[in-house]
Amino acid sequence: MSDSALSQEEIDALLEGVTGESQKLEKEETPKGGVRDYNLSSQERIVRGRMPTMEIVNERFSRNLRLGLFNLIRRSPEIAVGAVQVQKYSAFLRDMVVPTNINIMAVRPLRGNCVVVCEPTLLFGVIDSLYGGNGKFRTRIEGRDFSPTEQRVINRLVDVVVEEYKKAWRGVYPLELVYQRSEMQPQFAAIATPSEIVVSTSFTLEIGEISGSLHICIPYATLEPIRDVLYSSAQGDAIEVDRRWIKLLSHEIQAAELTLVAELAKTEATIEQLLSMQVGDFLELERAPNLEAKVEGVPLFECQYGTHKGKYALRIDRKLRGLEMNWLGDSHVN
């Protein structure tokens, strides 16, 4: 029995457990005020408020990109600008279409990289239009890489995006993107950790019957050195430059030459009739009482056909639409 008796140390340990003294000690070791450990590398920061300057840059970029793509594919796409999203990089990757074209870019003169993502539907819409298509046929990319021909067209598209994005930042900050490499899977585009905060914008482009998106994603840590620029409500120098440019455009555009066309009459014929026509045949034409004078297919005037001072002429009876240049703003007219 004496061998099985508890020692004094064991008894004291049991009493401490019953009275809660050890629990009290643990509570004293816990920091007060609900303070918890924080990992400085996790970047769990809170970014509040809009970025007016980034919104201005995105609007400029959409206008520049529309012109740049027209020069590339000779078609003017419709571009819708999405909101500036501030989110974790993992959330951005989660919404990405896979596989896709991911271009890793160095952000100069800042430190860090960004990604320019071109969805497959956008790429094949550009490729189809470049080779004379109308965007009706859809190509599947699942299970294969881009062909050399497709990759060359993609490189040309990316060059346009990089150049127009650089132009959009002019007057704000001398930012430009420098191409590094391309990937097709998001896991290889590690420009940031999954928990790191990024700033992204999506641009939806419609080319013919195809609609695709272009995404630009930049880590917030990369943009932090110019944080004050992004959150400022206005860029005075840039706005002043734009006003001078608009004033110059309003004067120069009035000297542009246009072709005014008025159809005197028209008729319809079958292919068989066209093939059987010979020199000396007569064509019966249906002439409307009033003619429409058009520029690039857009009707502007309702006219009467006749002669004036011994020459054939048109007399304008009515304007079909306003020709005022109020889209430039009242302060820039005249």
C-alpha atoms as a PDB file:
ATOM      1  CA  MET A   1       0.000   0.000   0.000  1.00  0.00           C
ATOM      2  CA  SER A   2       2.803   2.378   0.861  1.00  0.00           C
ATOM      3  CA  ASP A   3       4.319   1.845  -2.585  1.00  0.00           C
ATOM      4  CA  SER A   4       1.072   2.957  -4.282  1.00  0.00           C
ATOM      5  CA  ALA A   5       0.703   6.160  -2.221  1.00  0.00           C
ATOM      6  CA  LEU A   6       0.981   9.513  -4.038  1.00  0.00           C
ATOM      7  CA  SER A   7       3.926  11.768  -3.376  1.00  0.00           C
ATOM      8  CA  GLN A   8       3.471  15.334  -2.157  1.00  0.00           C
ATOM      9  CA  GLU A   9       4.423  16.733  -5.570  1.00  0.00           C
ATOM     10  CA  GLU A  10       1.743  14.646  -7.277  1.00  0.00           C
ATOM     11  CA  ILE A  11      -0.863  15.766  -4.758  1.00  0.00           C
ATOM     12  CA  ASP A  12       0.065  19.431  -5.288  1.00  0.00           C
ATOM     13  CA  ALA A  13      -0.248  18.990  -9.057  1.00  0.00           C
ATOM     14  CA  LEU A  14      -3.735  17.509  -8.693  1.00  0.00           C
ATOM     15  CA  LEU A  15      -4.821  20.336  -6.399  1.00  0.00           C
ATOM     16  CA  GLU A  16      -3.600  22.949  -8.893  1.00  0.00           C
ATOM     17  CA  GLY A  17      -5.698  21.325 -11.604  1.00  0.00           C
ATOM     18  CA  VAL A  18      -8.825  21.306  -9.454  1.00  0.00           C
ATOM     19  CA  THR A  19      -8.479  24.890  -8.186  1.00  0.00           C
ATOM     20  CA  GLY A  20      -7.701  26.269 -11.648  1.00  0.00           C
ATOM     21  CA  GLU A  21      -4.360  27.836 -10.764  1.00  0.00           C
ATOM     22  CA  SER A  22      -2.754  26.472 -13.932  1.00  0.00           C
ATOM     23  CA  GLN A  23      -5.618  27.866 -16.014  1.00  0.00           C
ATOM     24  CA  LYS A  24      -5.123  31.255 -14.376  1.00  0.00           C
ATOM     25  CA  LEU A  25      -1.464  31.111 -15.334  1.00  0.00           C
ATOM     26  CA  GLU A  26      -2.370  30.396 -18.955  1.00  0.00           C
ATOM     27  CA  LYS A  27      -4.757  33.346 -19.006  1.00  0.00           C
ATOM     28  CA  GLU A  28      -2.035  35.608 -17.679  1.00  0.00           C
ATOM     29  CA  GLU A  29       0.229  34.510 -20.531  1.00  0.00           C
ATOM     30  CA  THR A  30      -2.433  35.367 -23.143  1.00  0.00           C
ATOM     31  CA  PRO A  31      -2.162  38.998 -24.368  1.00  0.00           C
ATOM     32  CA  LYS A  32      -4.994  41.210 -23.220  1.00  0.00           C
ATOM     33  CA  GLY A  33      -7.345  43.163 -25.467  1.00  0.00           C
ATOM     34  CA  GLY A  34      -7.960  40.403 -28.028  1.00  0.00           C
ATOM     35  CA  VAL A  35      -4.553  40.932 -29.651  1.00  0.00           C
ATOM     36  CA  ARG A  36      -3.491  38.168 -32.016  1.00  0.00           C
ATOM     37  CA  ASP A  37      -0.354  37.346 -33.921  1.00  0.00           C
ATOM     38  CA  TYR A  38      -0.013  39.069 -37.313  1.00  0.00           C
ATOM     39  CA  ASN A  39       2.048  37.831 -40.215  1.00  0.00           C
ATOM     40  CA  LEU A  40       3.590  40.864 -41.896  1.00  0.00           C
ATOM     41  CA  SER A  41       4.140  38.879 -45.098  1.00  0.00           C
ATOM     42  CA  SER A  42       0.429  38.041 -45.499  1.00  0.00           C
ATOM     43  CA  GLN A  43      -0.504  41.545 -46.800  1.00  0.00           C
ATOM     44  CA  GLU A  44      -3.984  41.414 -45.251  1.00  0.00           C
ATOM     45  CA  ARG A  45      -4.369  45.139 -45.782  1.00  0.00           C
ATOM     46  CA  ILE A  46      -7.558  47.077 -46.268  1.00  0.00           C
ATOM     47  CA  VAL A  47      -7.665  49.327 -49.324  1.00  0.00           C
ATOM     48  CA  ARG A  48     -10.529  51.790 -49.200  1.00  0.00           C
ATOM     49  CA  GLY A  49     -11.913  54.280 -51.676  1.00  0.00           C
ATOM     50  CA  ARG A  50     -11.949  54.719 -55.416  1.00  0.00           C
ATOM     51  CA  MET A  51      -8.907  55.285 -57.587  1.00  0.00           C
ATOM     52  CA  PRO A  52      -9.998  58.194 -59.812  1.00  0.00           C
ATOM     53  CA  THR A  53      -6.719  58.356 -61.711  1.00  0.00           C
ATOM     54  CA  MET A  54      -6.783  54.636 -62.493  1.00  0.00           C
ATOM     55  CA  GLU A  55     -10.337  55.035 -63.795  1.00  0.00           C
ATOM     56  CA  ILE A  56      -9.194  57.883 -66.060  1.00  0.00           C
ATOM     57  CA  VAL A  57      -6.297  55.777 -67.345  1.00  0.00           C
ATOM     58  CA  ASN A  58      -8.633  52.867 -68.081  1.00  0.00           C
ATOM     59  CA  GLU A  59     -11.028  55.089 -70.033  1.00  0.00           C
ATOM     60  CA  ARG A  60      -8.164  56.507 -72.068  1.00  0.00           C
ATOM     61  CA  PHE A  61      -6.825  53.024 -72.681  1.00  0.00           C
ATOM     62  CA  SER A  62     -10.184  51.795 -73.993  1.00  0.00           C
ATOM     63  CA  ARG A  63     -10.325  54.661 -76.501  1.00  0.00           C
ATOM     64  CA  ASN A  64      -6.713  54.141 -77.555  1.00  0.00           C
ATOM     65  CA  LEU A  65      -7.202  50.380 -77.846  1.00  0.00           C
ATOM     66  CA  ARG A  66     -10.228  50.808 -80.108  1.00  0.00           C
ATOM     67  CA  LEU A  67      -8.108  52.812 -82.550  1.00  0.00           C
ATOM     68  CA  GLY A  68      -5.120  50.491 -82.203  1.00  0.00           C
ATOM     69  CA  LEU A  69      -7.209  47.400 -82.970  1.00  0.00           C
ATOM     70  CA  PHE A  70      -8.814  49.133 -85.931  1.00  0.00           C
ATOM     71  CA  ASN A  71      -5.348  49.695 -87.387  1.00  0.00           C
ATOM     72  CA  LEU A  72      -4.572  46.007 -86.790  1.00  0.00           C
ATOM     73  CA  ILE A  73      -7.735  44.225 -87.987  1.00  0.00           C
ATOM     74  CA  ARG A  74      -9.516  47.040 -89.875  1.00  0.00           C
ATOM     75  CA  ARG A  75     -12.577  46.635 -87.686  1.00  0.00           C
ATOM     76  CA  SER A  76     -13.651  48.890 -84.855  1.00  0.00           C
ATOM     77  CA  PRO A  77     -14.540  46.814 -81.772  1.00  0.00           C
ATOM     78  CA  GLU A  78     -16.963  47.830 -79.058  1.00  0.00           C
ATOM     79  CA  ILE A  79     -15.136  48.078 -75.720  1.00  0.00           C
ATOM     80  CA  ALA A  80     -16.785  48.153 -72.288  1.00  0.00           C
ATOM     81  CA  VAL A  81     -14.609  49.150 -69.334  1.00  0.00           C
ATOM     82  CA  GLY A  82     -15.144  47.289 -66.076  1.00  0.00           C
ATOM     83  CA  ALA A  83     -14.743  48.719 -62.600  1.00  0.00           C
ATOM     84  CA  VAL A  84     -11.372  48.870 -60.875  1.00  0.00           C
ATOM     85  CA  GLN A  85     -11.258  45.789 -58.635  1.00  0.00           C
ATOM     86  CA  VAL A  86      -9.092  45.609 -55.501  1.00  0.00           C
ATOM     87  CA  GLN A  87      -8.942  41.987 -54.412  1.00  0.00           C
ATOM     88  CA  LYS A  88      -6.651  39.118 -53.510  1.00  0.00           C
ATOM     89  CA  TYR A  89      -4.624  37.605 -56.312  1.00  0.00           C
ATOM     90  CA  SER A  90      -6.225  34.213 -55.651  1.00  0.00           C
ATOM     91  CA  ALA A  91      -9.683  35.735 -56.288  1.00  0.00           C
ATOM     92  CA  PHE A  92      -8.473  37.202 -59.583  1.00  0.00           C
ATOM     93  CA  LEU A  93      -7.074  33.844 -60.719  1.00  0.00           C
ATOM     94  CA  ARG A  94     -10.253  32.045 -59.644  1.00  0.00           C
ATOM     95  CA  ASP A  95     -12.349  33.972 -62.196  1.00  0.00           C
ATOM     96  CA  MET A  96      -9.921  33.381 -65.050  1.00  0.00           C
ATOM     97  CA  VAL A  97     -10.863  31.237 -68.047  1.00  0.00           C
ATOM     98  CA  VAL A  98      -8.516  28.243 -68.406  1.00  0.00           C
ATOM     99  CA  PRO A  99      -6.559  27.741 -70.591  1.00  0.00           C
ATOM    100  CA  THR A 100      -5.875  31.305 -71.641  1.00  0.00           C
ATOM    101  CA  ASN A 101      -3.118  33.633 -72.812  1.00  0.00           C
ATOM    102  CA  ILE A 102      -1.302  35.144 -69.822  1.00  0.00           C
ATOM    103  CA  ASN A 103       1.421  37.679 -70.553  1.00  0.00           C
ATOM    104  CA  ILE A 104       3.800  38.546 -67.728  1.00  0.00           C
ATOM    105  CA  MET A 105       4.961  42.155 -67.962  1.00  0.00           C
ATOM    106  CA  ALA A 106       7.532  44.153 -66.028  1.00  0.00           C
ATOM    107  CA  VAL A 107       6.087  47.442 -64.756  1.00  0.00           C
ATOM    108  CA  ARG A 108       8.653  50.155 -65.454  1.00  0.00           C
ATOM    109  CA  PRO A 109       9.966  52.241 -63.759  1.00  0.00           C
ATOM    110  CA  LEU A 110       8.235  50.641 -60.754  1.00  0.00           C
ATOM    111  CA  ARG A 111       9.337  47.375 -59.196  1.00  0.00           C
ATOM    112  CA  GLY A 112       7.383  44.211 -59.846  1.00  0.00           C
ATOM    113  CA  ASN A 113       5.452  42.464 -62.591  1.00  0.00           C
ATOM    114  CA  CYS A 114       1.860  42.477 -63.782  1.00  0.00           C
ATOM    115  CA  VAL A 115      -0.208  40.239 -66.052  1.00  0.00           C
ATOM    116  CA  VAL A 116      -2.141  41.041 -69.211  1.00  0.00           C
ATOM    117  CA  VAL A 117      -4.661  38.255 -69.828  1.00  0.00           C
ATOM    118  CA  CYS A 118      -6.313  37.739 -73.220  1.00  0.00           C
ATOM    119  CA  GLU A 119      -9.206  35.276 -73.191  1.00  0.00           C
ATOM    120  CA  PRO A 120      -9.312  32.684 -76.014  1.00  0.00           C
ATOM    121  CA  THR A 121     -12.566  34.090 -77.436  1.00  0.00           C
ATOM    122  CA  LEU A 122     -10.923  37.502 -77.812  1.00  0.00           C
ATOM    123  CA  LEU A 123      -7.815  36.029 -79.421  1.00  0.00           C
ATOM    124  CA  PHE A 124      -9.711  34.004 -81.996  1.00  0.00           C
ATOM    125  CA  GLY A 125     -11.996  36.946 -82.716  1.00  0.00           C
ATOM    126  CA  VAL A 126      -8.921  39.027 -83.579  1.00  0.00           C
ATOM    127  CA  ILE A 127      -7.365  36.188 -85.593  1.00  0.00           C
ATOM    128  CA  ASP A 128     -10.601  35.557 -87.488  1.00  0.00           C
ATOM    129  CA  SER A 129     -11.051  39.251 -88.303  1.00  0.00           C
ATOM    130  CA  LEU A 130      -7.417  39.663 -89.329  1.00  0.00           C
ATOM    131  CA  TYR A 131      -7.831  36.932 -91.936  1.00  0.00           C
ATOM    132  CA  GLY A 132     -11.088  38.307 -93.320  1.00  0.00           C
ATOM    133  CA  GLY A 133     -13.633  36.458 -91.185  1.00  0.00           C
ATOM    134  CA  ASN A 134     -16.720  37.927 -89.581  1.00  0.00           C
ATOM    135  CA  GLY A 135     -16.421  36.314 -86.168  1.00  0.00           C
ATOM    136  CA  LYS A 136     -19.070  33.632 -86.646  1.00  0.00           C
ATOM    137  CA  PHE A 137     -16.872  30.572 -86.238  1.00  0.00           C
ATOM    138  CA  ARG A 138     -15.569  29.659 -82.811  1.00  0.00           C
ATOM    139  CA  THR A 139     -12.356  27.722 -82.271  1.00  0.00           C
ATOM    140  CA  ARG A 140     -11.678  25.485 -79.296  1.00  0.00           C
ATOM    141  CA  ILE A 141      -8.265  25.606 -77.665  1.00  0.00           C
ATOM    142  CA  GLU A 142      -8.730  23.025 -74.922  1.00  0.00           C
ATOM    143  CA  GLY A 143      -6.006  20.390 -74.967  1.00  0.00           C
ATOM    144  CA  ARG A 144      -3.552  22.162 -77.286  1.00  0.00           C
ATOM    145  CA  ASP A 145      -1.106  25.041 -77.475  1.00  0.00           C
ATOM    146  CA  PHE A 146      -1.417  28.016 -79.786  1.00  0.00           C
ATOM    147  CA  SER A 147      -0.098  27.351 -83.269  1.00  0.00           C
ATOM    148  CA  PRO A 148       2.903  29.396 -84.539  1.00  0.00           C
ATOM    149  CA  THR A 149       0.587  31.464 -86.754  1.00  0.00           C
ATOM    150  CA  GLU A 150      -1.802  32.121 -83.867  1.00  0.00           C
ATOM    151  CA  GLN A 151       1.107  33.041 -81.606  1.00  0.00           C
ATOM    152  CA  ARG A 152       2.392  35.607 -84.110  1.00  0.00           C
ATOM    153  CA  VAL A 153      -1.020  37.284 -84.222  1.00  0.00           C
ATOM    154  CA  ILE A 154      -1.203  37.188 -80.412  1.00  0.00           C
ATOM    155  CA  ASN A 155       2.201  38.878 -80.215  1.00  0.00           C
ATOM    156  CA  ARG A 156       0.964  41.646 -82.517  1.00  0.00           C
ATOM    157  CA  LEU A 157      -2.147  42.073 -80.358  1.00  0.00           C
ATOM    158  CA  VAL A 158      -0.065  42.247 -77.173  1.00  0.00           C
ATOM    159  CA  ASP A 159       2.206  44.848 -78.785  1.00  0.00           C
ATOM    160  CA  VAL A 160      -0.863  46.991 -79.498  1.00  0.00           C
ATOM    161  CA  VAL A 161      -2.091  46.601 -75.906  1.00  0.00           C
ATOM    162  CA  VAL A 162       1.309  47.546 -74.455  1.00  0.00           C
ATOM    163  CA  GLU A 163       1.681  50.605 -76.685  1.00  0.00           C
ATOM    164  CA  GLU A 164      -1.843  51.923 -76.069  1.00  0.00           C
ATOM    165  CA  TYR A 165      -1.571  51.337 -72.310  1.00  0.00           C
ATOM    166  CA  LYS A 166       1.645  53.362 -72.275  1.00  0.00           C
ATOM    167  CA  LYS A 167      -0.137  56.201 -74.095  1.00  0.00           C
ATOM    168  CA  ALA A 168      -2.982  56.098 -71.556  1.00  0.00           C
ATOM    169  CA  TRP A 169      -0.547  56.886 -68.727  1.00  0.00           C
ATOM    170  CA  ARG A 170       0.991  59.905 -70.445  1.00  0.00           C
ATOM    171  CA  GLY A 171       0.578  63.079 -68.405  1.00  0.00           C
ATOM    172  CA  VAL A 172      -0.124  60.997 -65.287  1.00  0.00           C
ATOM    173  CA  TYR A 173       3.028  58.930 -64.721  1.00  0.00           C
ATOM    174  CA  PRO A 174       5.662  57.559 -67.145  1.00  0.00           C
ATOM    175  CA  LEU A 175       4.514  53.966 -66.678  1.00  0.00           C
ATOM    176  CA  GLU A 176       5.042  51.325 -69.326  1.00  0.00           C
ATOM    177  CA  LEU A 177       4.829  47.545 -69.588  1.00  0.00           C
ATOM    178  CA  VAL A 178       7.777  45.469 -70.802  1.00  0.00           C
ATOM    179  CA  TYR A 179       7.019  41.966 -72.088  1.00  0.00           C
ATOM    180  CA  GLN A 180       8.715  39.103 -70.206  1.00  0.00           C
ATOM    181  CA  ARG A 181       7.047  35.837 -71.193  1.00  0.00           C
ATOM    182  CA  SER A 182       3.701  34.128 -71.869  1.00  0.00           C
ATOM    183  CA  GLU A 183       1.921  31.302 -70.053  1.00  0.00           C
ATOM    184  CA  MET A 184      -1.311  29.383 -70.534  1.00  0.00           C
ATOM    185  CA  GLN A 185      -1.913  28.167 -66.965  1.00  0.00           C
ATOM    186  CA  PRO A 186      -2.506  30.551 -64.015  1.00  0.00           C
ATOM    187  CA  GLN A 187      -0.254  28.600 -61.632  1.00  0.00           C
ATOM    188  CA  PHE A 188       2.761  29.627 -63.711  1.00  0.00           C
ATOM    189  CA  ALA A 189       1.913  33.346 -63.515  1.00  0.00           C
ATOM    190  CA  ALA A 190       3.194  33.896 -59.977  1.00  0.00           C
ATOM    191  CA  ILE A 191       3.498  37.681 -59.954  1.00  0.00           C
ATOM    192  CA  ALA A 192       2.186  37.737 -56.375  1.00  0.00           C
ATOM    193  CA  THR A 193       1.279  35.400 -53.544  1.00  0.00           C
ATOM    194  CA  PRO A 194      -2.348  34.174 -53.441  1.00  0.00           C
ATOM    195  CA  SER A 195      -3.123  36.410 -50.444  1.00  0.00           C
ATOM    196  CA  GLU A 196      -1.491  39.524 -51.887  1.00  0.00           C
ATOM    197  CA  ILE A 197      -3.743  42.433 -52.870  1.00  0.00           C
ATOM    198  CA  VAL A 198      -3.908  43.310 -56.574  1.00  0.00           C
ATOM    199  CA  VAL A 199      -5.608  46.000 -58.658  1.00  0.00           C
ATOM    200  CA  SER A 200      -7.330  44.645 -61.754  1.00  0.00           C
ATOM    201  CA  THR A 201      -9.588  45.896 -64.533  1.00  0.00           C
ATOM    202  CA  SER A 202     -11.468  43.931 -67.192  1.00  0.00           C
ATOM    203  CA  PHE A 203     -12.203  45.216 -70.685  1.00  0.00           C
ATOM    204  CA  THR A 204     -14.938  43.430 -72.659  1.00  0.00           C
ATOM    205  CA  LEU A 205     -14.446  43.620 -76.425  1.00  0.00           C
ATOM    206  CA  GLU A 206     -17.012  42.749 -79.088  1.00  0.00           C
ATOM    207  CA  ILE A 207     -15.597  41.922 -82.517  1.00  0.00           C
ATOM    208  CA  GLY A 208     -18.311  40.881 -84.935  1.00  0.00           C
ATOM    209  CA  GLU A 209     -20.370  38.241 -83.170  1.00  0.00           C
ATOM    210  CA  ILE A 210     -17.586  37.282 -80.760  1.00  0.00           C
ATOM    211  CA  SER A 211     -17.199  38.782 -77.305  1.00  0.00           C
ATOM    212  CA  GLY A 212     -14.061  38.335 -75.219  1.00  0.00           C
ATOM    213  CA  SER A 213     -12.280  39.996 -72.329  1.00  0.00           C
ATOM    214  CA  LEU A 214      -8.893  41.517 -71.690  1.00  0.00           C
ATOM    215  CA  HIS A 215      -7.692  41.725 -68.076  1.00  0.00           C
ATOM    216  CA  ILE A 216      -4.878  43.822 -66.620  1.00  0.00           C
ATOM    217  CA  CYS A 217      -3.785  42.931 -63.079  1.00  0.00           C
ATOM    218  CA  ILE A 218      -1.092  44.813 -61.137  1.00  0.00           C
ATOM    219  CA  PRO A 219      -0.033  44.028 -57.543  1.00  0.00           C
ATOM    220  CA  TYR A 220      -0.961  46.789 -55.124  1.00  0.00           C
ATOM    221  CA  ALA A 221       2.568  46.698 -53.702  1.00  0.00           C
ATOM    222  CA  THR A 222       3.891  47.618 -57.156  1.00  0.00           C
ATOM    223  CA  LEU A 223       1.583  50.643 -57.397  1.00  0.00           C
ATOM    224  CA  GLU A 224       2.096  51.768 -53.801  1.00  0.00           C
ATOM    225  CA  PRO A 225       4.950  54.218 -54.624  1.00  0.00           C
ATOM    226  CA  ILE A 226       2.469  56.201 -56.771  1.00  0.00           C
ATOM    227  CA  ARG A 227      -0.460  55.727 -54.399  1.00  0.00           C
ATOM    228  CA  ASP A 228      -1.011  59.487 -54.027  1.00  0.00           C
ATOM    229  CA  VAL A 229      -1.248  59.824 -57.805  1.00  0.00           C
ATOM    230  CA  LEU A 230      -3.854  57.052 -58.064  1.00  0.00           C
ATOM    231  CA  TYR A 231      -6.080  58.458 -55.313  1.00  0.00           C
ATOM    232  CA  SER A 232      -5.893  62.110 -56.388  1.00  0.00           C
ATOM    233  CA  SER A 233      -9.220  63.430 -57.666  1.00  0.00           C
ATOM    234  CA  ALA A 234      -7.770  65.112 -60.754  1.00  0.00           C
ATOM    235  CA  GLN A 235      -4.588  65.323 -62.732  1.00  0.00           C
ATOM    236  CA  GLY A 236      -4.406  69.028 -63.565  1.00  0.00           C
ATOM    237  CA  ASP A 237      -1.557  68.865 -66.081  1.00  0.00           C
ATOM    238  CA  ALA A 238      -3.094  65.955 -67.932  1.00  0.00           C
ATOM    239  CA  ILE A 239      -6.515  67.619 -68.124  1.00  0.00           C
ATOM    240  CA  GLU A 240      -4.955  70.831 -69.435  1.00  0.00           C
ATOM    241  CA  VAL A 241      -3.124  68.861 -72.122  1.00  0.00           C
ATOM    242  CA  ASP A 242      -6.385  67.162 -73.124  1.00  0.00           C
ATOM    243  CA  ARG A 243      -8.185  70.508 -73.389  1.00  0.00           C
ATOM    244  CA  ARG A 244      -5.544  71.913 -75.693  1.00  0.00           C
ATOM    245  CA  TRP A 245      -5.674  68.751 -77.767  1.00  0.00           C
ATOM    246  CA  ILE A 246      -9.475  68.923 -78.052  1.00  0.00           C
ATOM    247  CA  LYS A 247      -9.353  72.586 -79.026  1.00  0.00           C
ATOM    248  CA  LEU A 248      -6.814  71.819 -81.746  1.00  0.00           C
ATOM    249  CA  LEU A 249      -8.856  68.837 -82.925  1.00  0.00           C
ATOM    250  CA  SER A 250     -12.049  70.917 -83.122  1.00  0.00           C
ATOM    251  CA  HIS A 251     -10.357  73.298 -85.560  1.00  0.00           C
ATOM    252  CA  GLU A 252      -8.411  70.761 -87.608  1.00  0.00           C
ATOM    253  CA  ILE A 253     -11.323  68.358 -88.069  1.00  0.00           C
ATOM    254  CA  GLN A 254     -13.331  71.042 -89.862  1.00  0.00           C
ATOM    255  CA  ALA A 255     -10.756  70.963 -92.686  1.00  0.00           C
ATOM    256  CA  ALA A 256     -11.183  67.206 -93.227  1.00  0.00           C
ATOM    257  CA  GLU A 257     -12.499  66.328 -96.693  1.00  0.00           C
ATOM    258  CA  LEU A 258     -15.605  64.138 -96.994  1.00  0.00           C
ATOM    259  CA  THR A 259     -17.441  62.651 -99.967  1.00  0.00           C
ATOM    260  CA  LEU A 260     -21.129  63.567-100.183  1.00  0.00           C
ATOM    261  CA  VAL A 261     -23.090  60.969-102.185  1.00  0.00           C
ATOM    262  CA  ALA A 262     -26.672  61.203-103.487  1.00  0.00           C
ATOM    263  CA  GLU A 263     -28.217  58.237-105.341  1.00  0.00           C
ATOM    264  CA  LEU A 264     -30.219  59.512-108.286  1.00  0.00           C
ATOM    265  CA  ALA A 265     -32.005  56.217-108.863  1.00  0.00           C
ATOM    266  CA  LYS A 266     -31.599  52.488-108.398  1.00  0.00           C
ATOM    267  CA  THR A 267     -33.036  49.227-109.637  1.00  0.00           C
ATOM    268  CA  GLU A 268     -32.839  45.540-108.839  1.00  0.00           C
ATOM    269  CA  ALA A 269     -31.757  42.758-111.173  1.00  0.00           C
ATOM    270  CA  THR A 270     -31.084  39.055-110.935  1.00  0.00           C
ATOM    271  CA  ILE A 271     -27.733  37.488-111.769  1.00  0.00           C
ATOM    272  CA  GLU A 272     -29.287  35.987-114.912  1.00  0.00           C
ATOM    273  CA  GLN A 273     -30.414  39.429-116.065  1.00  0.00           C
ATOM    274  CA  LEU A 274     -26.980  40.908-115.404  1.00  0.00           C
ATOM    275  CA  LEU A 275     -25.266  38.178-117.414  1.00  0.00           C
ATOM    276  CA  SER A 276     -27.610  38.701-120.357  1.00  0.00           C
ATOM    277  CA  MET A 277     -27.170  42.491-120.570  1.00  0.00           C
ATOM    278  CA  GLN A 278     -25.614  43.847-123.751  1.00  0.00           C
ATOM    279  CA  VAL A 279     -24.367  47.216-124.941  1.00  0.00           C
ATOM    280  CA  GLY A 280     -27.345  49.349-125.932  1.00  0.00           C
ATOM    281  CA  ASP A 281     -29.813  47.772-123.487  1.00  0.00           C
ATOM    282  CA  PHE A 282     -31.988  50.097-121.437  1.00  0.00           C
ATOM    283  CA  LEU A 283     -32.458  49.852-117.660  1.00  0.00           C
ATOM    284  CA  GLU A 284     -35.652  51.110-116.101  1.00  0.00           C
ATOM    285  CA  LEU A 285     -34.856  53.075-112.960  1.00  0.00           C
ATOM    286  CA  GLU A 286     -37.103  53.989-110.069  1.00  0.00           C
ATOM    287  CA  ARG A 287     -36.384  57.536-108.990  1.00  0.00           C
ATOM    288  CA  ALA A 288     -37.661  58.800-105.665  1.00  0.00           C
ATOM    289  CA  PRO A 289     -39.131  62.319-105.545  1.00  0.00           C
ATOM    290  CA  ASN A 290     -36.527  63.303-102.928  1.00  0.00           C
ATOM    291  CA  LEU A 291     -32.900  62.228-102.690  1.00  0.00           C
ATOM    292  CA  GLU A 292     -30.840  61.555 -99.578  1.00  0.00           C
ATOM    293  CA  ALA A 293     -27.318  62.954 -99.500  1.00  0.00           C
ATOM    294  CA  LYS A 294     -25.079  60.673 -97.430  1.00  0.00           C
ATOM    295  CA  VAL A 295     -21.568  60.656 -95.992  1.00  0.00           C
ATOM    296  CA  GLU A 296     -20.106  57.189 -95.380  1.00  0.00           C
ATOM    297  CA  GLY A 297     -23.628  55.770 -95.681  1.00  0.00           C
ATOM    298  CA  VAL A 298     -25.093  58.130 -93.058  1.00  0.00           C
ATOM    299  CA  PRO A 299     -27.993  60.254 -94.443  1.00  0.00           C
ATOM    300  CA  LEU A 300     -27.520  63.950 -93.667  1.00  0.00           C
ATOM    301  CA  PHE A 301     -29.742  65.927 -96.068  1.00  0.00           C
ATOM    302  CA  GLU A 302     -32.985  65.545 -98.002  1.00  0.00           C
ATOM    303  CA  CYS A 303     -32.456  67.106-101.447  1.00  0.00           C
ATOM    304  CA  GLN A 304     -34.060  67.935-104.787  1.00  0.00           C
ATOM    305  CA  TYR A 305     -32.198  67.164-108.017  1.00  0.00           C
ATOM    306  CA  GLY A 306     -31.982  69.736-110.811  1.00  0.00           C
ATOM    307  CA  THR A 307     -29.721  72.302-112.430  1.00  0.00           C
ATOM    308  CA  HIS A 308     -28.130  75.495-111.159  1.00  0.00           C
ATOM    309  CA  LYS A 309     -26.179  77.948-113.306  1.00  0.00           C
ATOM    310  CA  GLY A 310     -26.036  75.445-116.115  1.00  0.00           C
ATOM    311  CA  LYS A 311     -24.739  72.566-113.965  1.00  0.00           C
ATOM    312  CA  TYR A 312     -26.428  69.598-112.344  1.00  0.00           C
ATOM    313  CA  ALA A 313     -27.009  70.356-108.677  1.00  0.00           C
ATOM    314  CA  LEU A 314     -28.748  69.354-105.455  1.00  0.00           C
ATOM    315  CA  ARG A 315     -30.925  71.687-103.442  1.00  0.00           C
ATOM    316  CA  ILE A 316     -31.037  70.940 -99.712  1.00  0.00           C
ATOM    317  CA  ASP A 317     -34.628  70.925 -98.469  1.00  0.00           C
ATOM    318  CA  ARG A 318     -34.151  69.528 -94.969  1.00  0.00           C
ATOM    319  CA  LYS A 319     -31.464  68.424 -92.523  1.00  0.00           C
ATOM    320  CA  LEU A 320     -31.918  64.839 -91.407  1.00  0.00           C
ATOM    321  CA  ARG A 321     -29.701  65.156 -88.321  1.00  0.00           C
ATOM    322  CA  GLY A 322     -27.893  67.854 -86.391  1.00  0.00           C
ATOM    323  CA  LEU A 323     -24.392  68.706 -87.529  1.00  0.00           C
ATOM    324  CA  GLU A 324     -23.341  70.768 -84.537  1.00  0.00           C
ATOM    325  CA  MET A 325     -20.019  69.879 -82.933  1.00  0.00           C
ATOM    326  CA  ASN A 326     -21.432  69.938 -79.410  1.00  0.00           C
ATOM    327  CA  TRP A 327     -19.673  66.645 -78.637  1.00  0.00           C
ATOM    328  CA  LEU A 328     -16.547  68.779 -78.150  1.00  0.00           C
ATOM    329  CA  GLY A 329     -18.191  70.875 -75.460  1.00  0.00           C
ATOM    330  CA  ASP A 330     -19.486  74.429 -75.624  1.00  0.00           C
ATOM    331  CA  SER A 331     -16.137  75.901 -74.615  1.00  0.00           C
ATOM    332  CA  HIS A 332     -14.372  74.320 -77.607  1.00  0.00           C
ATOM    333  CA  VAL A 333     -16.756  75.231 -80.425  1.00  0.00           C
ATOM    334  CA  ASN A 334     -15.581  78.033 -82.770  1.00  0.00           C
END
